[in-house]
Amino acid sequence: MSILSTKNSNDNKAGIEENPNEQEQGFLGHLEELRQRIFKAAIFLLLGCVLAGVFVNDIMNWILLKPATTAKLELQNLRPFGQPFLYFKVVFASGIVVAFPFVIYQLWKFIEPGLYKHERQWAGKITVFTTLCFLLGVSFAYFVMIPAMLQFSVSFGNPAIKNIIDVNEYFGFITMTVLGAGLIFELPMITFVLASIGMITSAIMREYRRHAIVVILIIAAILTPSPDPVNQLLFACPLYVLYEISIIVAKISAKKSAEEPQSAS
């Protein structure tokens, strides 16, 4: 796949020389296209926030606060107007999750004109699989990582010290863990794109597997606030599995990219 395709460069060269303003017009056209895509993505984000605002109480009770109540963790507000700001942040974060597939689609449509004809057919598939990877990471963080970390937080320490957590700190912990896992689970899709344009190969990924394991352990230590090594390994193991899957994806993507020009000719 070539994002900045040069297949028509020879055909357009003469026209650009005859009309010096064509290159500038093309640049301005790209800026206008980018503006329109950003505007549409912002509209979807706004609609996602409106939808989240309608159900904000259900989101608070059944999604955000559910892990804390399950772990019997006490929360409190320590800031003036802390709860109104908390509701605003919940609405915004939920809007991002709802609008994620639409934003990815707008991004793909922006780069679509620079792709080959057969590559443009990937827009729908890329959007679907990117969304699935993101939701898989979010689900893993919410249903596996967060309960384990909260349970460790509640059970660890001196019983004479009560664990009463600021609700804004709790929200930051939930948001960082969920969104971080969602983005990291995009590794196979990122690998697919990079392998398609020749920036990475399965051989390189196998060669640097040991380095990748070290990076995975560092990422797991950063994204899991608890010092418990069990929780860190709980996040590091799926990351390593994703890395191995990405090696397979890179190999398949490179093979497919090599076959497509032959079939097109």
C-alpha atoms as a PDB file:
ATOM      1  CA  MET A   1       0.000   0.000   0.000  1.00  0.00           C
ATOM      2  CA  SER A   2       1.304   3.458  -0.855  1.00  0.00           C
ATOM      3  CA  ILE A   3      -0.250   6.353   1.040  1.00  0.00           C
ATOM      4  CA  LEU A   4       1.445   8.951  -1.097  1.00  0.00           C
ATOM      5  CA  SER A   5       1.090   7.192  -4.395  1.00  0.00           C
ATOM      6  CA  THR A   6       3.377   8.272  -7.254  1.00  0.00           C
ATOM      7  CA  LYS A   7       1.769   6.196  -9.953  1.00  0.00           C
ATOM      8  CA  ASN A   8       0.421   9.271 -11.772  1.00  0.00           C
ATOM      9  CA  SER A   9       3.419  11.536 -11.173  1.00  0.00           C
ATOM     10  CA  ASN A  10       4.738  11.279 -14.740  1.00  0.00           C
ATOM     11  CA  ASP A  11       1.323  12.017 -16.221  1.00  0.00           C
ATOM     12  CA  ASN A  12       0.813  15.057 -14.016  1.00  0.00           C
ATOM     13  CA  LYS A  13       4.334  16.489 -14.346  1.00  0.00           C
ATOM     14  CA  ALA A  14       3.728  18.212 -17.680  1.00  0.00           C
ATOM     15  CA  GLY A  15       0.470  19.711 -16.477  1.00  0.00           C
ATOM     16  CA  ILE A  16       2.113  21.113 -13.357  1.00  0.00           C
ATOM     17  CA  GLU A  17       4.886  22.699 -15.425  1.00  0.00           C
ATOM     18  CA  GLU A  18       2.318  24.329 -17.721  1.00  0.00           C
ATOM     19  CA  ASN A  19       0.225  25.560 -14.778  1.00  0.00           C
ATOM     20  CA  PRO A  20       2.429  26.642 -11.813  1.00  0.00           C
ATOM     21  CA  ASN A  21      -0.648  27.254  -9.650  1.00  0.00           C
ATOM     22  CA  GLU A  22      -1.825  23.626  -9.876  1.00  0.00           C
ATOM     23  CA  GLN A  23       0.505  22.413  -7.141  1.00  0.00           C
ATOM     24  CA  GLU A  24      -0.625  25.223  -4.821  1.00  0.00           C
ATOM     25  CA  GLN A  25      -4.269  24.507  -5.640  1.00  0.00           C
ATOM     26  CA  GLY A  26      -3.689  20.826  -4.853  1.00  0.00           C
ATOM     27  CA  PHE A  27      -2.195  21.735  -1.486  1.00  0.00           C
ATOM     28  CA  LEU A  28      -5.107  24.031  -0.687  1.00  0.00           C
ATOM     29  CA  GLY A  29      -7.486  21.295  -1.780  1.00  0.00           C
ATOM     30  CA  HIS A  30      -5.866  18.902   0.711  1.00  0.00           C
ATOM     31  CA  LEU A  31      -6.215  21.520   3.451  1.00  0.00           C
ATOM     32  CA  GLU A  32      -9.884  21.962   2.604  1.00  0.00           C
ATOM     33  CA  GLU A  33     -10.409  18.196   2.628  1.00  0.00           C
ATOM     34  CA  LEU A  34      -8.638  17.961   5.997  1.00  0.00           C
ATOM     35  CA  ARG A  35     -10.827  20.751   7.376  1.00  0.00           C
ATOM     36  CA  GLN A  36     -13.983  18.974   6.242  1.00  0.00           C
ATOM     37  CA  ARG A  37     -12.883  15.645   7.740  1.00  0.00           C
ATOM     38  CA  ILE A  38     -11.973  17.273  11.057  1.00  0.00           C
ATOM     39  CA  PHE A  39     -15.330  19.061  11.073  1.00  0.00           C
ATOM     40  CA  LYS A  40     -17.218  15.815  10.425  1.00  0.00           C
ATOM     41  CA  ALA A  41     -15.207  13.990  13.104  1.00  0.00           C
ATOM     42  CA  ALA A  42     -16.002  16.808  15.555  1.00  0.00           C
ATOM     43  CA  ILE A  43     -19.708  16.511  14.690  1.00  0.00           C
ATOM     44  CA  PHE A  44     -19.635  12.767  15.433  1.00  0.00           C
ATOM     45  CA  LEU A  45     -17.789  13.462  18.696  1.00  0.00           C
ATOM     46  CA  LEU A  46     -20.421  16.031  19.641  1.00  0.00           C
ATOM     47  CA  LEU A  47     -23.221  13.588  18.835  1.00  0.00           C
ATOM     48  CA  GLY A  48     -21.455  10.935  20.905  1.00  0.00           C
ATOM     49  CA  CYS A  49     -21.224  13.336  23.835  1.00  0.00           C
ATOM     50  CA  VAL A  50     -24.912  14.232  23.500  1.00  0.00           C
ATOM     51  CA  LEU A  51     -25.828  10.538  23.493  1.00  0.00           C
ATOM     52  CA  ALA A  52     -23.596   9.948  26.516  1.00  0.00           C
ATOM     53  CA  GLY A  53     -25.154  12.942  28.265  1.00  0.00           C
ATOM     54  CA  VAL A  54     -28.630  11.453  27.890  1.00  0.00           C
ATOM     55  CA  PHE A  55     -27.520   8.249  29.621  1.00  0.00           C
ATOM     56  CA  VAL A  56     -24.883   9.770  31.918  1.00  0.00           C
ATOM     57  CA  ASN A  57     -26.520   8.518  35.125  1.00  0.00           C
ATOM     58  CA  ASP A  58     -26.650   4.960  33.794  1.00  0.00           C
ATOM     59  CA  ILE A  59     -23.026   5.265  32.667  1.00  0.00           C
ATOM     60  CA  MET A  60     -22.038   6.469  36.134  1.00  0.00           C
ATOM     61  CA  ASN A  61     -23.929   3.782  38.041  1.00  0.00           C
ATOM     62  CA  TRP A  62     -23.542   0.736  35.791  1.00  0.00           C
ATOM     63  CA  ILE A  63     -20.171   1.348  34.131  1.00  0.00           C
ATOM     64  CA  LEU A  64     -17.920   3.829  35.924  1.00  0.00           C
ATOM     65  CA  LEU A  65     -18.805   3.093  39.557  1.00  0.00           C
ATOM     66  CA  LYS A  66     -19.554  -0.621  39.127  1.00  0.00           C
ATOM     67  CA  PRO A  67     -15.933  -1.818  39.601  1.00  0.00           C
ATOM     68  CA  ALA A  68     -15.604   0.262  42.787  1.00  0.00           C
ATOM     69  CA  THR A  69     -18.844  -1.019  44.303  1.00  0.00           C
ATOM     70  CA  THR A  70     -17.946  -4.597  43.384  1.00  0.00           C
ATOM     71  CA  ALA A  71     -14.558  -4.255  45.089  1.00  0.00           C
ATOM     72  CA  LYS A  72     -16.251  -2.439  48.033  1.00  0.00           C
ATOM     73  CA  LEU A  73     -14.038   0.581  47.486  1.00  0.00           C
ATOM     74  CA  GLU A  74     -15.194   3.834  49.093  1.00  0.00           C
ATOM     75  CA  LEU A  75     -15.100   6.969  46.946  1.00  0.00           C
ATOM     76  CA  GLN A  76     -15.362  10.602  47.954  1.00  0.00           C
ATOM     77  CA  ASN A  77     -15.252  14.029  46.346  1.00  0.00           C
ATOM     78  CA  LEU A  78     -12.519  16.344  47.616  1.00  0.00           C
ATOM     79  CA  ARG A  79     -12.932  19.290  45.242  1.00  0.00           C
ATOM     80  CA  PRO A  80     -15.434  22.150  44.974  1.00  0.00           C
ATOM     81  CA  PHE A  81     -17.659  21.431  41.967  1.00  0.00           C
ATOM     82  CA  GLY A  82     -15.846  18.119  41.704  1.00  0.00           C
ATOM     83  CA  GLN A  83     -18.923  16.131  40.768  1.00  0.00           C
ATOM     84  CA  PRO A  84     -20.115  18.483  37.980  1.00  0.00           C
ATOM     85  CA  PHE A  85     -16.637  18.372  36.439  1.00  0.00           C
ATOM     86  CA  LEU A  86     -16.608  14.602  36.884  1.00  0.00           C
ATOM     87  CA  TYR A  87     -19.890  14.273  34.987  1.00  0.00           C
ATOM     88  CA  PHE A  88     -18.489  16.462  32.205  1.00  0.00           C
ATOM     89  CA  LYS A  89     -15.376  14.284  31.909  1.00  0.00           C
ATOM     90  CA  VAL A  90     -17.486  11.114  31.881  1.00  0.00           C
ATOM     91  CA  VAL A  91     -19.641  12.518  29.074  1.00  0.00           C
ATOM     92  CA  PHE A  92     -16.574  13.544  27.056  1.00  0.00           C
ATOM     93  CA  ALA A  93     -14.745  10.231  27.527  1.00  0.00           C
ATOM     94  CA  SER A  94     -17.893   8.258  26.646  1.00  0.00           C
ATOM     95  CA  GLY A  95     -18.360  10.440  23.578  1.00  0.00           C
ATOM     96  CA  ILE A  96     -14.840   9.554  22.427  1.00  0.00           C
ATOM     97  CA  VAL A  97     -15.580   5.840  22.722  1.00  0.00           C
ATOM     98  CA  VAL A  98     -18.892   6.189  20.849  1.00  0.00           C
ATOM     99  CA  ALA A  99     -17.402   8.353  18.079  1.00  0.00           C
ATOM    100  CA  PHE A 100     -14.202   6.309  17.693  1.00  0.00           C
ATOM    101  CA  PRO A 101     -15.254   4.256  14.615  1.00  0.00           C
ATOM    102  CA  PHE A 102     -16.604   7.360  12.856  1.00  0.00           C
ATOM    103  CA  VAL A 103     -13.399   9.303  13.535  1.00  0.00           C
ATOM    104  CA  ILE A 104     -11.296   6.423  12.190  1.00  0.00           C
ATOM    105  CA  TYR A 105     -13.473   6.298   9.078  1.00  0.00           C
ATOM    106  CA  GLN A 106     -12.987  10.041   8.467  1.00  0.00           C
ATOM    107  CA  LEU A 107      -9.221   9.623   8.864  1.00  0.00           C
ATOM    108  CA  TRP A 108      -9.220   6.785   6.350  1.00  0.00           C
ATOM    109  CA  LYS A 109     -11.329   8.780   3.869  1.00  0.00           C
ATOM    110  CA  PHE A 110      -8.804  11.626   4.102  1.00  0.00           C
ATOM    111  CA  ILE A 111      -5.874   9.438   3.052  1.00  0.00           C
ATOM    112  CA  GLU A 112      -7.961   7.468   0.536  1.00  0.00           C
ATOM    113  CA  PRO A 113      -7.211   9.705  -2.506  1.00  0.00           C
ATOM    114  CA  GLY A 114      -3.507   8.852  -2.190  1.00  0.00           C
ATOM    115  CA  LEU A 115      -4.124   5.110  -2.404  1.00  0.00           C
ATOM    116  CA  TYR A 116      -4.321   2.689  -5.290  1.00  0.00           C
ATOM    117  CA  LYS A 117      -7.758   1.676  -6.506  1.00  0.00           C
ATOM    118  CA  HIS A 118      -7.639  -1.776  -4.889  1.00  0.00           C
ATOM    119  CA  GLU A 119      -6.430  -0.223  -1.622  1.00  0.00           C
ATOM    120  CA  ARG A 120      -9.424   2.120  -1.426  1.00  0.00           C
ATOM    121  CA  GLN A 121     -11.693  -0.872  -0.910  1.00  0.00           C
ATOM    122  CA  TRP A 122     -10.106  -1.397   2.509  1.00  0.00           C
ATOM    123  CA  ALA A 123     -11.818   1.634   4.105  1.00  0.00           C
ATOM    124  CA  GLY A 124     -14.789  -0.285   5.516  1.00  0.00           C
ATOM    125  CA  LYS A 125     -12.730  -3.298   6.580  1.00  0.00           C
ATOM    126  CA  ILE A 126     -10.050  -1.163   8.257  1.00  0.00           C
ATOM    127  CA  THR A 127     -12.724   0.774  10.156  1.00  0.00           C
ATOM    128  CA  VAL A 128     -14.467  -2.406  11.343  1.00  0.00           C
ATOM    129  CA  PHE A 129     -11.327  -4.242  12.453  1.00  0.00           C
ATOM    130  CA  THR A 130      -9.811  -1.135  14.055  1.00  0.00           C
ATOM    131  CA  THR A 131     -13.010  -0.647  16.057  1.00  0.00           C
ATOM    132  CA  LEU A 132     -13.098  -4.309  17.058  1.00  0.00           C
ATOM    133  CA  CYS A 133      -9.480  -4.189  18.272  1.00  0.00           C
ATOM    134  CA  PHE A 134     -10.199  -1.035  20.253  1.00  0.00           C
ATOM    135  CA  LEU A 135     -13.333  -2.470  21.860  1.00  0.00           C
ATOM    136  CA  LEU A 136     -11.510  -5.713  22.624  1.00  0.00           C
ATOM    137  CA  GLY A 137      -8.815  -3.764  24.483  1.00  0.00           C
ATOM    138  CA  VAL A 138     -11.415  -1.700  26.347  1.00  0.00           C
ATOM    139  CA  SER A 139     -13.319  -4.845  27.346  1.00  0.00           C
ATOM    140  CA  PHE A 140     -10.157  -6.606  28.509  1.00  0.00           C
ATOM    141  CA  ALA A 141      -9.179  -3.634  30.661  1.00  0.00           C
ATOM    142  CA  TYR A 142     -12.645  -3.186  32.142  1.00  0.00           C
ATOM    143  CA  PHE A 143     -13.545  -6.819  32.843  1.00  0.00           C
ATOM    144  CA  VAL A 144     -10.105  -8.282  33.639  1.00  0.00           C
ATOM    145  CA  MET A 145      -7.463  -5.697  34.533  1.00  0.00           C
ATOM    146  CA  ILE A 146      -9.442  -3.167  36.555  1.00  0.00           C
ATOM    147  CA  PRO A 147     -11.225  -5.661  38.876  1.00  0.00           C
ATOM    148  CA  ALA A 148      -7.929  -7.403  39.626  1.00  0.00           C
ATOM    149  CA  MET A 149      -6.119  -4.131  40.361  1.00  0.00           C
ATOM    150  CA  LEU A 150      -8.916  -2.743  42.531  1.00  0.00           C
ATOM    151  CA  GLN A 151      -9.128  -5.983  44.480  1.00  0.00           C
ATOM    152  CA  PHE A 152      -5.396  -5.798  45.139  1.00  0.00           C
ATOM    153  CA  SER A 153      -5.730  -2.135  46.193  1.00  0.00           C
ATOM    154  CA  VAL A 154      -8.493  -2.946  48.679  1.00  0.00           C
ATOM    155  CA  SER A 155      -6.873  -6.029  50.182  1.00  0.00           C
ATOM    156  CA  PHE A 156      -3.324  -4.676  50.485  1.00  0.00           C
ATOM    157  CA  GLY A 157      -2.134  -2.578  53.425  1.00  0.00           C
ATOM    158  CA  ASN A 158      -2.738  -2.042  57.109  1.00  0.00           C
ATOM    159  CA  PRO A 159      -6.363  -2.621  58.217  1.00  0.00           C
ATOM    160  CA  ALA A 160      -6.130   0.439  60.468  1.00  0.00           C
ATOM    161  CA  ILE A 161      -5.839   2.644  57.349  1.00  0.00           C
ATOM    162  CA  LYS A 162      -9.072   3.154  55.446  1.00  0.00           C
ATOM    163  CA  ASN A 163      -8.898   3.305  51.650  1.00  0.00           C
ATOM    164  CA  ILE A 164     -11.163   6.224  50.724  1.00  0.00           C
ATOM    165  CA  ILE A 165     -10.265   7.280  47.182  1.00  0.00           C
ATOM    166  CA  ASP A 166     -10.928  10.637  45.535  1.00  0.00           C
ATOM    167  CA  VAL A 167     -13.488   9.989  42.798  1.00  0.00           C
ATOM    168  CA  ASN A 168     -11.555  12.139  40.312  1.00  0.00           C
ATOM    169  CA  GLU A 169      -8.421  10.083  40.902  1.00  0.00           C
ATOM    170  CA  TYR A 170     -10.536   6.977  40.431  1.00  0.00           C
ATOM    171  CA  PHE A 171     -11.908   8.313  37.141  1.00  0.00           C
ATOM    172  CA  GLY A 172      -8.385   9.090  35.914  1.00  0.00           C
ATOM    173  CA  PHE A 173      -7.299   5.567  36.766  1.00  0.00           C
ATOM    174  CA  ILE A 174     -10.266   4.011  34.939  1.00  0.00           C
ATOM    175  CA  THR A 175      -9.859   6.260  31.886  1.00  0.00           C
ATOM    176  CA  MET A 176      -6.107   5.761  31.534  1.00  0.00           C
ATOM    177  CA  THR A 177      -6.378   1.995  31.883  1.00  0.00           C
ATOM    178  CA  VAL A 178      -9.340   1.551  29.533  1.00  0.00           C
ATOM    179  CA  LEU A 179      -8.253   3.926  26.766  1.00  0.00           C
ATOM    180  CA  GLY A 180      -4.614   2.844  27.055  1.00  0.00           C
ATOM    181  CA  ALA A 181      -5.547  -0.802  26.617  1.00  0.00           C
ATOM    182  CA  GLY A 182      -7.858   0.064  23.727  1.00  0.00           C
ATOM    183  CA  LEU A 183      -5.088   1.876  21.871  1.00  0.00           C
ATOM    184  CA  ILE A 184      -2.473  -0.795  22.581  1.00  0.00           C
ATOM    185  CA  PHE A 185      -4.778  -3.476  21.221  1.00  0.00           C
ATOM    186  CA  GLU A 186      -4.534  -1.648  17.883  1.00  0.00           C
ATOM    187  CA  LEU A 187      -1.043  -3.115  17.469  1.00  0.00           C
ATOM    188  CA  PRO A 188      -2.099  -5.734  14.862  1.00  0.00           C
ATOM    189  CA  MET A 189      -3.862  -3.086  12.748  1.00  0.00           C
ATOM    190  CA  ILE A 190      -0.909  -0.696  12.990  1.00  0.00           C
ATOM    191  CA  THR A 191       1.392  -3.537  11.999  1.00  0.00           C
ATOM    192  CA  PHE A 192      -0.847  -4.348   9.030  1.00  0.00           C
ATOM    193  CA  VAL A 193      -0.645  -0.771   7.732  1.00  0.00           C
ATOM    194  CA  LEU A 194       3.124  -0.426   8.291  1.00  0.00           C
ATOM    195  CA  ALA A 195       3.824  -3.796   6.682  1.00  0.00           C
ATOM    196  CA  SER A 196       1.637  -2.896   3.706  1.00  0.00           C
ATOM    197  CA  ILE A 197       3.734   0.196   2.952  1.00  0.00           C
ATOM    198  CA  GLY A 198       7.001  -1.652   3.585  1.00  0.00           C
ATOM    199  CA  MET A 199       8.046   0.128   6.786  1.00  0.00           C
ATOM    200  CA  ILE A 200       8.195  -3.082   8.821  1.00  0.00           C
ATOM    201  CA  THR A 201       8.533  -6.795   8.128  1.00  0.00           C
ATOM    202  CA  SER A 202       7.875  -9.958  10.066  1.00  0.00           C
ATOM    203  CA  ALA A 203      11.600 -10.739   9.955  1.00  0.00           C
ATOM    204  CA  ILE A 204      12.435  -7.456  11.704  1.00  0.00           C
ATOM    205  CA  MET A 205       9.790  -8.082  14.354  1.00  0.00           C
ATOM    206  CA  ARG A 206      11.171 -11.574  15.022  1.00  0.00           C
ATOM    207  CA  GLU A 207      14.707 -10.203  15.206  1.00  0.00           C
ATOM    208  CA  TYR A 208      13.726  -7.607  17.837  1.00  0.00           C
ATOM    209  CA  ARG A 209      11.422  -9.895  19.823  1.00  0.00           C
ATOM    210  CA  ARG A 210      13.609  -9.685  22.956  1.00  0.00           C
ATOM    211  CA  HIS A 211      13.633  -5.894  22.810  1.00  0.00           C
ATOM    212  CA  ALA A 212       9.870  -5.931  22.359  1.00  0.00           C
ATOM    213  CA  ILE A 213       9.443  -8.037  25.510  1.00  0.00           C
ATOM    214  CA  VAL A 214      11.361  -5.433  27.529  1.00  0.00           C
ATOM    215  CA  VAL A 215       9.209  -2.627  26.064  1.00  0.00           C
ATOM    216  CA  ILE A 216       6.050  -4.633  26.817  1.00  0.00           C
ATOM    217  CA  LEU A 217       7.064  -5.052  30.461  1.00  0.00           C
ATOM    218  CA  ILE A 218       7.760  -1.315  30.730  1.00  0.00           C
ATOM    219  CA  ILE A 219       4.378  -0.447  29.200  1.00  0.00           C
ATOM    220  CA  ALA A 220       2.658  -2.904  31.535  1.00  0.00           C
ATOM    221  CA  ALA A 221       4.385  -1.316  34.540  1.00  0.00           C
ATOM    222  CA  ILE A 222       3.260   2.160  33.434  1.00  0.00           C
ATOM    223  CA  LEU A 223      -0.358   1.269  32.667  1.00  0.00           C
ATOM    224  CA  THR A 224      -0.868  -0.798  35.825  1.00  0.00           C
ATOM    225  CA  PRO A 225      -0.622   1.620  38.776  1.00  0.00           C
ATOM    226  CA  SER A 226      -0.483  -1.200  41.312  1.00  0.00           C
ATOM    227  CA  PRO A 227       3.021  -2.521  42.052  1.00  0.00           C
ATOM    228  CA  ASP A 228       1.658  -6.058  42.125  1.00  0.00           C
ATOM    229  CA  PRO A 229       3.702  -8.117  39.596  1.00  0.00           C
ATOM    230  CA  VAL A 230       0.716 -10.411  39.031  1.00  0.00           C
ATOM    231  CA  ASN A 231      -1.359  -7.509  37.680  1.00  0.00           C
ATOM    232  CA  GLN A 232       1.541  -6.328  35.554  1.00  0.00           C
ATOM    233  CA  LEU A 233       1.940  -9.786  34.049  1.00  0.00           C
ATOM    234  CA  LEU A 234      -1.829  -9.905  33.581  1.00  0.00           C
ATOM    235  CA  PHE A 235      -1.433  -7.012  31.149  1.00  0.00           C
ATOM    236  CA  ALA A 236       1.968  -7.966  29.736  1.00  0.00           C
ATOM    237  CA  CYS A 237       0.909 -11.466  28.607  1.00  0.00           C
ATOM    238  CA  PRO A 238      -1.862 -10.269  26.259  1.00  0.00           C
ATOM    239  CA  LEU A 239       0.532  -7.649  24.893  1.00  0.00           C
ATOM    240  CA  TYR A 240       3.041 -10.347  24.046  1.00  0.00           C
ATOM    241  CA  VAL A 241       0.305 -12.394  22.386  1.00  0.00           C
ATOM    242  CA  LEU A 242      -0.636  -9.299  20.363  1.00  0.00           C
ATOM    243  CA  TYR A 243       2.991  -8.926  19.320  1.00  0.00           C
ATOM    244  CA  GLU A 244       3.129 -12.511  18.087  1.00  0.00           C
ATOM    245  CA  ILE A 245      -0.168 -12.011  16.236  1.00  0.00           C
ATOM    246  CA  SER A 246       1.288  -8.852  14.700  1.00  0.00           C
ATOM    247  CA  ILE A 247       4.237 -10.860  13.345  1.00  0.00           C
ATOM    248  CA  ILE A 248       1.790 -13.157  11.555  1.00  0.00           C
ATOM    249  CA  VAL A 249      -0.218 -10.154  10.347  1.00  0.00           C
ATOM    250  CA  ALA A 250       2.953  -8.506   8.983  1.00  0.00           C
ATOM    251  CA  LYS A 251       3.862 -11.652   7.061  1.00  0.00           C
ATOM    252  CA  ILE A 252       0.371 -11.998   5.551  1.00  0.00           C
ATOM    253  CA  SER A 253       0.175  -8.289   4.732  1.00  0.00           C
ATOM    254  CA  ALA A 254       3.565  -8.267   2.983  1.00  0.00           C
ATOM    255  CA  LYS A 255       2.631 -11.344   0.961  1.00  0.00           C
ATOM    256  CA  LYS A 256      -0.703  -9.851  -0.039  1.00  0.00           C
ATOM    257  CA  SER A 257       0.877  -6.520  -1.028  1.00  0.00           C
ATOM    258  CA  ALA A 258       3.377  -8.370  -3.210  1.00  0.00           C
ATOM    259  CA  GLU A 259       0.641 -10.365  -4.961  1.00  0.00           C
ATOM    260  CA  GLU A 260      -1.773  -7.497  -5.648  1.00  0.00           C
ATOM    261  CA  PRO A 261       0.362  -5.577  -8.196  1.00  0.00           C
ATOM    262  CA  GLN A 262       0.855  -8.833 -10.126  1.00  0.00           C
ATOM    263  CA  SER A 263      -2.851  -9.586 -10.174  1.00  0.00           C
ATOM    264  CA  ALA A 264      -3.640  -5.990 -11.161  1.00  0.00           C
ATOM    265  CA  SER A 265      -1.221  -6.206 -14.105  1.00  0.00           C
END
